[in-house]
Amino acid sequence: MKSEKLLSYTAVFEPAEEGGYVVSVPMLPGCLTQGETFEEAKRYIEEAITLYLETLKDLGEEIPRELSEPIITRVTAPDPV
């Protein structure tokens, strides 16, 4: 039996103005989705990542891999208003 290899990607969950979350994966440009709840958005982005990687494989393109943990922090700037 072949064991399944799992890849891990950073997903950014941003609250949407109308409610729910918009989710993107910086390492996979254009891979994004949304959901009404965090759990739904997480499930949808997992599906989107799977489809994205399958498409890359089908096209014979390289599968991007995150090699280290990203540093995520908020940065402030003055409001120009």
Protein backbone atom coordinates (compact mmCIF):
# COMPACT_ATOMS: atom_id res chain seq x y z
CA MET A 1 0.00 0.00 0.00
CA LYS A 2 1.38 3.40 -1.02
CA SER A 3 1.41 6.01 1.76
CA GLU A 4 0.01 9.45 0.98
CA LYS A 5 2.49 12.34 1.08
CA LEU A 6 1.02 15.53 2.53
CA LEU A 7 2.12 19.06 1.67
CA SER A 8 1.50 22.04 3.91
CA TYR A 9 0.73 25.58 2.75
CA THR A 10 0.06 28.85 4.56
CA ALA A 11 -3.53 30.02 4.07
CA VAL A 12 -4.56 33.59 4.89
CA PHE A 13 -8.11 33.99 6.21
CA GLU A 14 -9.44 37.54 5.95
CA PRO A 15 -12.84 38.54 7.31
CA ALA A 16 -15.15 39.62 4.46
CA GLU A 17 -17.20 42.82 4.77
CA GLU A 18 -20.41 40.89 4.08
CA GLY A 19 -19.47 38.18 6.61
CA GLY A 20 -17.51 34.99 6.44
CA TYR A 21 -13.92 34.71 5.21
CA VAL A 22 -11.95 35.10 2.01
CA VAL A 23 -8.99 32.72 1.92
CA SER A 24 -5.85 32.85 -0.20
CA VAL A 25 -2.67 30.80 -0.41
CA PRO A 26 0.31 33.11 -1.12
CA MET A 27 2.50 30.26 -2.38
CA LEU A 28 -0.15 29.31 -4.97
CA PRO A 29 -1.07 32.46 -6.94
CA GLY A 30 -4.76 32.63 -7.76
CA CYS A 31 -5.69 29.89 -5.29
CA LEU A 32 -8.47 31.46 -3.27
CA THR A 33 -11.99 30.85 -2.07
CA GLN A 34 -14.48 32.02 0.52
CA GLY A 35 -16.81 30.57 3.11
CA GLU A 36 -19.56 31.69 5.46
CA THR A 37 -17.72 30.32 8.51
CA PHE A 38 -14.05 29.64 9.30
CA GLU A 39 -14.68 25.89 9.14
CA GLU A 40 -16.40 26.14 5.76
CA ALA A 41 -13.66 28.41 4.37
CA LYS A 42 -10.99 25.99 5.63
CA ARG A 43 -12.73 23.04 3.96
CA TYR A 44 -13.06 24.99 0.69
CA ILE A 45 -9.41 26.10 0.63
CA GLU A 46 -8.27 22.51 1.25
CA GLU A 47 -10.32 21.47 -1.79
CA ALA A 48 -8.98 24.40 -3.84
CA ILE A 49 -5.37 23.52 -2.97
CA THR A 50 -5.95 19.90 -3.98
CA LEU A 51 -7.42 20.93 -7.35
CA TYR A 52 -4.66 23.50 -7.90
CA LEU A 53 -1.92 20.92 -7.28
CA GLU A 54 -3.66 18.30 -9.46
CA THR A 55 -3.86 20.85 -12.29
CA LEU A 56 -0.15 21.68 -11.97
CA LYS A 57 0.66 17.96 -12.08
CA ASP A 58 -1.56 17.40 -15.14
CA LEU A 59 0.20 20.31 -16.90
CA GLY A 60 3.61 18.90 -16.01
CA GLU A 61 4.48 21.97 -13.95
CA GLU A 62 6.53 22.01 -10.77
CA ILE A 63 4.64 21.72 -7.47
CA PRO A 64 5.60 24.67 -5.20
CA ARG A 65 6.73 23.73 -1.70
CA GLU A 66 7.01 25.90 1.39
CA LEU A 67 10.44 25.17 2.78
CA SER A 68 10.12 27.03 6.08
CA GLU A 69 7.54 28.57 8.36
CA PRO A 70 6.54 32.06 7.22
CA ILE A 71 6.74 35.03 9.54
CA ILE A 72 3.36 36.73 9.66
CA THR A 73 2.91 40.03 11.47
CA ARG A 74 0.95 43.25 11.19
CA VAL A 75 2.81 46.36 10.05
CA THR A 76 1.43 49.84 10.72
CA ALA A 77 1.54 52.94 8.55
CA PRO A 78 0.14 56.44 9.07
CA ASP A 79 -3.35 57.09 7.73
CA PRO A 80 -2.95 59.66 4.93
CA VAL A 81 -6.44 61.09 5.53
